[in-house]
Amino acid sequence: MKVSLILATLGRDLELLDFLKSLLFQTYKNFELIVIDQNQDGKIDRIAEQYSQCLDLKHVKVNFTGNARARDHGIALAQGDIIAFPDDDCVYEKDVLEKVVGEFACQPTLSILVAGSYDFSAKRFSIGVNSRKARYFSRLNMMGVEFTQFFALARIDRRQFYLDHDFGIGSKYAGAEGFELLYRLLRAGGRAFYKPDIKIYHANKDHYTLGTARMLKYSTGIGAYIRKFANQHDPYIGYYILRKMLIAPTLKMLLALLTFNPGKLAYSFYNLVGIWRGFFAYGR
C-alpha cells in the first residue's frame, strides 16, 4: 500500500524541517509527501528543494490560504491507497507508517485508523481525544485529531471524503475540520480503530496555561460543526449538544472553582463561550 501524506503549511519552516527529518527515518518507505505551500514569500522553497532529493515530495505552491481548502487540493493530487493530513508542526515516530499499513493489512474491513497524539513524550498525551487502550469507536466517541487520522480510500465513501472549507485554520470557523470530516465518514458507515502505540508527536497547545485566546478561537469550530449536523436533523448530534455544550464545560468550571484555579476556570469558560458562539453563528 502506498501512503499519501498531504501537508498544508503556512508561516512555519523550522517545525516543518523537524517533520521532514522524521520522514527520512520511517521504516516504511512506500509513501509520498504532498506539501501544499500557502506561503507567498518562498519561506520553504529551499527546504522543499533539498528534501525532494531524498523523499518523494511534491511541492505545490498555491495562491490561497485555508487548511481545509489546501488539504482538499492535495487529495486531488494524491496517488496513494491511504491518505493522512499531518500538521506542519508534528513529528512521526519512525515506525508510524509501518504500523499504519500493517493495521490496515490485518483488518480488511477497517477504513479509518487513528494514532495517538503525544506531547513529545512517549507517555504524555497532547491535543485531541486520546486513551491508553486501543479500541474501535463510533461517531458517539470519536478519537484522535485531524493529524492523527489515516484513511483507506478504497474502504470509505469517497463522496464524503472532502474537507468542509468553512472549518479549520484560515476559514470561517478556526477548528474542528478533522472532527467534521470524521463524523461524516463514520455516519456513512466507516469502521474506525484507535491505536495509541502508533505515536505522533505534537506540542500540547490545548492547555489553560497558554491563555484563553486560542481556546476561544478554536472552540467556535466545535459549536459550528455541531450546528451543521443539527441542521441536518441528525439525531446522534444531540449527544454532543449535551456533552460539549452543557455538561463537560460546566463540570470543568465547577472543578476549577473547587480547586481554586482561576486560570483553568477562565479557560473552561471561554471554551463554553466559543462553542455557543460557533453554534449560533453557523449558517449566517
Protein backbone atom coordinates (compact mmCIF):
# COMPACT_ATOMS: atom_id res chain seq x y z
CA MET A 1 0.00 0.00 0.00
CA LYS A 2 1.18 3.49 -0.82
CA VAL A 3 0.61 6.27 1.70
CA SER A 4 -0.08 9.86 0.65
CA LEU A 5 0.75 12.48 3.26
CA ILE A 6 -0.93 15.81 2.50
CA LEU A 7 0.64 18.64 4.45
CA ALA A 8 -0.73 22.17 4.32
CA THR A 9 1.76 24.76 5.55
CA LEU A 10 1.85 28.49 6.18
CA GLY A 11 4.31 30.54 8.19
CA ARG A 12 6.48 27.69 9.50
CA ASP A 13 9.87 26.45 8.41
CA LEU A 14 11.84 25.03 11.36
CA GLU A 15 8.86 22.97 12.54
CA LEU A 16 8.36 21.67 9.00
CA LEU A 17 12.03 20.74 8.90
CA ASP A 18 11.58 18.59 12.01
CA PHE A 19 8.71 16.72 10.37
CA LEU A 20 10.66 16.12 7.18
CA LYS A 21 13.57 14.74 9.20
CA SER A 22 11.21 12.27 10.87
CA LEU A 23 10.10 11.04 7.43
CA LEU A 24 13.68 10.25 6.48
CA PHE A 25 13.81 7.65 9.24
CA GLN A 26 10.48 5.95 8.51
CA THR A 27 10.90 2.17 8.41
CA TYR A 28 8.19 2.02 5.71
CA LYS A 29 9.31 3.72 2.51
CA ASN A 30 6.35 3.49 0.11
CA PHE A 31 4.92 6.96 0.68
CA GLU A 32 4.64 10.35 -0.96
CA LEU A 33 4.53 13.76 0.66
CA ILE A 34 2.42 16.48 -0.95
CA VAL A 35 3.27 19.88 0.51
CA ILE A 36 0.60 22.49 -0.19
CA ASP A 37 2.59 25.68 0.30
CA GLN A 38 0.47 28.74 1.12
CA ASN A 39 3.47 30.99 1.77
CA GLN A 40 3.90 33.85 -0.67
CA ASP A 41 7.47 34.69 0.36
CA GLY A 42 9.26 31.49 -0.66
CA LYS A 43 9.74 30.64 3.01
CA ILE A 44 10.16 26.92 2.49
CA ASP A 45 11.39 26.77 -1.10
CA ARG A 46 14.95 25.79 -0.19
CA ILE A 47 13.78 23.21 2.34
CA ALA A 48 11.42 21.60 -0.17
CA GLU A 49 14.10 21.55 -2.86
CA GLN A 50 16.61 19.94 -0.52
CA TYR A 51 14.28 17.19 0.72
CA SER A 52 12.80 16.43 -2.69
CA GLN A 53 16.17 14.83 -3.47
CA CYS A 54 15.70 12.16 -0.80
CA LEU A 55 11.90 11.93 -0.44
CA ASP A 56 9.03 11.51 -2.89
CA LEU A 57 8.00 15.12 -2.28
CA LYS A 58 5.67 17.23 -4.39
CA HIS A 59 5.96 20.93 -3.57
CA VAL A 60 2.74 22.63 -4.67
CA LYS A 61 2.56 26.40 -4.32
CA VAL A 62 -0.93 27.92 -4.15
CA ASN A 63 -2.25 31.48 -4.05
CA PHE A 64 -4.92 30.90 -1.41
CA THR A 65 -4.98 30.21 2.32
CA GLY A 66 -7.06 27.89 4.46
CA ASN A 67 -6.12 24.50 5.87
CA ALA A 68 -9.24 22.67 4.66
CA ARG A 69 -9.03 24.10 1.15
CA ALA A 70 -5.33 23.23 0.93
CA ARG A 71 -5.89 19.66 2.07
CA ASP A 72 -8.70 19.24 -0.43
CA HIS A 73 -6.32 20.46 -3.13
CA GLY A 74 -3.88 17.78 -2.05
CA ILE A 75 -6.48 15.00 -2.14
CA ALA A 76 -6.92 15.60 -5.86
CA LEU A 77 -3.18 15.10 -6.38
CA ALA A 78 -2.71 12.05 -4.15
CA GLN A 79 -1.67 8.73 -5.69
CA GLY A 80 -1.75 6.61 -2.52
CA ASP A 81 -4.10 3.97 -1.13
CA ILE A 82 -4.01 5.59 2.32
CA ILE A 83 -4.28 9.33 2.95
CA ALA A 84 -3.31 11.33 6.03
CA PHE A 85 -3.09 15.03 6.88
CA PRO A 86 -0.01 15.66 9.05
CA ASP A 87 0.38 19.08 10.64
CA ASP A 88 3.42 21.16 9.72
CA ASP A 89 4.47 21.15 13.39
CA CYS A 90 4.14 17.45 14.21
CA VAL A 91 6.73 14.66 14.16
CA TYR A 92 6.24 10.97 13.33
CA GLU A 93 7.77 8.16 15.36
CA LYS A 94 9.95 6.13 12.98
CA ASP A 95 7.52 3.20 12.74
CA VAL A 96 4.28 5.17 12.24
CA LEU A 97 3.75 4.32 8.58
CA GLU A 98 4.83 0.70 9.03
CA LYS A 99 2.27 0.21 11.80
CA VAL A 100 -0.46 2.04 9.89
CA VAL A 101 -0.04 -0.08 6.77
CA GLY A 102 0.23 -3.23 8.89
CA GLU A 103 -3.02 -2.47 10.72
CA PHE A 104 -4.94 -1.85 7.50
CA ALA A 105 -3.49 -5.07 6.04
CA CYS A 106 -4.56 -7.10 9.08
CA GLN A 107 -8.07 -5.64 9.14
CA PRO A 108 -9.56 -5.74 5.64
CA THR A 109 -12.79 -4.01 6.71
CA LEU A 110 -11.04 -1.16 8.54
CA SER A 111 -11.44 2.20 6.79
CA ILE A 112 -10.16 4.71 9.37
CA LEU A 113 -7.18 4.34 11.68
CA VAL A 114 -6.33 6.90 14.35
CA ALA A 115 -2.95 7.22 16.08
CA GLY A 116 -2.18 8.65 19.50
CA SER A 117 -1.09 12.28 19.86
CA TYR A 118 1.82 12.75 22.28
CA ASP A 119 3.41 15.89 23.69
CA PHE A 120 6.95 14.97 22.56
CA SER A 121 6.88 12.28 25.22
CA ALA A 122 6.28 8.56 24.92
CA LYS A 123 3.78 8.68 27.80
CA ARG A 124 2.20 12.16 27.97
CA PHE A 125 -0.70 12.77 25.60
CA SER A 126 -1.09 16.00 23.65
CA ILE A 127 -4.09 17.55 21.88
CA GLY A 128 -7.13 15.64 20.67
CA VAL A 129 -9.03 12.79 22.27
CA ASN A 130 -6.67 10.03 23.46
CA SER A 131 -6.83 6.87 25.54
CA ARG A 132 -4.36 4.32 26.89
CA LYS A 133 -6.34 1.47 25.34
CA ALA A 134 -6.76 0.54 21.70
CA ARG A 135 -10.39 0.33 20.64
CA TYR A 136 -12.94 0.63 17.89
CA PHE A 137 -15.05 3.76 18.01
CA SER A 138 -18.14 5.34 16.50
CA ARG A 139 -19.39 8.87 15.92
CA LEU A 140 -20.54 8.96 19.56
CA ASN A 141 -16.99 8.60 20.92
CA MET A 142 -14.66 9.94 18.24
CA MET A 143 -10.93 9.64 18.88
CA GLY A 144 -7.79 11.50 17.89
CA VAL A 145 -7.43 14.75 15.97
CA GLU A 146 -7.03 15.52 12.27
CA PHE A 147 -3.25 14.99 12.06
CA THR A 148 -3.55 11.51 13.64
CA GLN A 149 -6.18 10.18 11.22
CA PHE A 150 -5.41 7.78 8.34
CA PHE A 151 -7.98 6.86 5.68
CA ALA A 152 -8.05 3.81 3.39
CA LEU A 153 -9.54 5.27 0.23
CA ALA A 154 -10.96 2.05 -1.18
CA ARG A 155 -12.91 1.41 2.05
CA ILE A 156 -14.62 4.75 2.64
CA ASP A 157 -17.49 6.56 0.97
CA ARG A 158 -15.49 8.68 -1.49
CA ARG A 159 -18.42 11.08 -1.87
CA GLN A 160 -17.89 12.05 1.77
CA PHE A 161 -14.10 12.34 1.60
CA TYR A 162 -13.54 16.07 1.39
CA LEU A 163 -12.84 18.88 3.82
CA ASP A 164 -15.57 21.43 4.51
CA HIS A 165 -13.93 24.76 3.69
CA ASP A 166 -15.89 26.54 6.42
CA PHE A 167 -13.75 24.78 9.05
CA GLY A 168 -10.09 24.89 10.02
CA ILE A 169 -7.30 27.43 10.26
CA GLY A 170 -7.82 30.28 7.80
CA SER A 171 -11.53 29.55 7.45
CA LYS A 172 -14.72 30.97 8.91
CA TYR A 173 -14.52 28.65 11.93
CA ALA A 174 -10.95 28.10 13.05
CA GLY A 175 -11.14 24.50 14.27
CA ALA A 176 -12.86 21.11 14.11
CA GLU A 177 -12.26 20.34 10.41
CA GLY A 178 -10.97 16.88 11.34
CA PHE A 179 -13.90 16.01 13.59
CA GLU A 180 -16.37 17.28 10.98
CA LEU A 181 -14.83 15.00 8.34
CA LEU A 182 -14.56 12.06 10.73
CA TYR A 183 -18.19 12.37 11.83
CA ARG A 184 -19.39 12.34 8.20
CA LEU A 185 -17.36 9.26 7.33
CA LEU A 186 -18.49 7.37 10.42
CA ARG A 187 -22.09 8.31 9.70
CA ALA A 188 -21.63 6.90 6.19
CA GLY A 189 -20.62 3.53 7.63
CA GLY A 190 -16.85 3.82 8.03
CA ARG A 191 -15.23 1.41 10.50
CA ALA A 192 -12.69 3.13 12.76
CA PHE A 193 -9.99 1.93 15.14
CA TYR A 194 -7.80 3.89 17.58
CA LYS A 195 -4.33 2.56 18.36
CA PRO A 196 -2.24 4.55 20.88
CA ASP A 197 1.02 2.70 20.23
CA ILE A 198 1.18 4.48 16.86
CA LYS A 199 2.81 7.65 18.12
CA ILE A 200 2.67 11.10 16.54
CA TYR A 201 4.26 13.96 18.46
CA HIS A 202 2.79 17.46 18.66
CA ALA A 203 3.20 20.19 21.26
CA ASN A 204 0.25 20.42 23.65
CA LYS A 205 -1.43 23.73 22.79
CA ASP A 206 -4.78 22.97 24.40
CA HIS A 207 -3.85 23.89 27.96
CA TYR A 208 -5.07 26.68 30.18
CA THR A 209 -1.51 27.84 31.00
CA LEU A 210 -1.24 29.10 27.41
CA GLY A 211 -4.13 31.53 27.91
CA THR A 212 -7.70 31.71 26.69
CA ALA A 213 -7.41 33.31 23.24
CA ARG A 214 -6.60 30.09 21.39
CA MET A 215 -9.39 28.19 23.11
CA LEU A 216 -11.94 30.90 22.31
CA LYS A 217 -10.86 30.87 18.67
CA TYR A 218 -10.78 27.12 18.03
CA SER A 219 -13.84 26.17 20.07
CA THR A 220 -16.07 28.07 17.64
CA GLY A 221 -15.42 25.28 15.15
CA ILE A 222 -16.80 22.71 17.59
CA GLY A 223 -20.04 24.64 18.02
CA ALA A 224 -20.32 25.20 14.29
CA TYR A 225 -19.93 21.54 13.30
CA ILE A 226 -22.47 20.54 15.95
CA ARG A 227 -24.89 23.08 14.47
CA LYS A 228 -24.19 21.84 10.94
CA PHE A 229 -25.32 18.31 11.77
CA ALA A 230 -28.15 19.56 13.99
CA ASN A 231 -29.45 21.46 10.94
CA GLN A 232 -29.44 18.13 9.09
CA HIS A 233 -31.67 16.65 11.84
CA ASP A 234 -29.01 14.10 12.79
CA PRO A 235 -30.38 12.51 16.00
CA TYR A 236 -26.93 11.48 17.24
CA ILE A 237 -25.74 15.09 17.41
CA GLY A 238 -27.98 15.61 20.43
CA TYR A 239 -25.37 13.71 22.40
CA TYR A 240 -22.75 16.33 21.53
CA ILE A 241 -25.10 19.18 22.34
CA LEU A 242 -25.46 17.76 25.84
CA ARG A 243 -21.84 16.75 26.28
CA LYS A 244 -19.86 19.50 24.57
CA MET A 245 -22.20 22.44 25.06
CA LEU A 246 -23.58 21.79 28.53
CA ILE A 247 -22.25 19.01 30.74
CA ALA A 248 -18.49 18.87 30.09
CA PRO A 249 -17.69 22.62 30.26
CA THR A 250 -19.93 23.05 33.31
CA LEU A 251 -18.18 20.23 35.17
CA LYS A 252 -14.78 21.64 34.24
CA MET A 253 -15.71 25.06 35.59
CA LEU A 254 -17.03 23.55 38.82
CA LEU A 255 -13.81 21.57 39.24
CA ALA A 256 -11.75 24.72 38.67
CA LEU A 257 -13.78 26.51 41.31
CA LEU A 258 -13.35 23.70 43.81
CA THR A 259 -9.60 23.59 43.24
CA PHE A 260 -9.26 27.41 43.31
CA ASN A 261 -7.75 27.51 39.82
CA PRO A 262 -8.76 30.82 38.18
CA GLY A 263 -6.73 30.14 35.04
CA LYS A 264 -8.47 26.86 34.37
CA LEU A 265 -11.83 28.44 35.21
CA ALA A 266 -11.32 31.18 32.61
CA TYR A 267 -10.11 28.64 30.07
CA SER A 268 -13.20 26.45 30.54
CA PHE A 269 -15.49 29.47 30.45
CA TYR A 270 -14.11 30.72 27.14
CA ASN A 271 -14.32 27.18 25.76
CA LEU A 272 -18.05 27.27 26.53
CA VAL A 273 -18.43 30.78 25.10
CA GLY A 274 -16.62 29.81 21.89
CA ILE A 275 -18.72 26.70 21.36
CA TRP A 276 -22.00 28.56 21.76
CA ARG A 277 -20.72 31.41 19.59
CA GLY A 278 -19.92 28.98 16.78
CA PHE A 279 -23.24 27.19 17.22
CA PHE A 280 -25.28 30.38 16.77
CA ALA A 281 -23.03 31.82 14.06
CA TYR A 282 -23.09 28.76 11.75
CA GLY A 283 -25.08 29.32 8.59
CA ARG A 284 -25.33 33.08 8.86
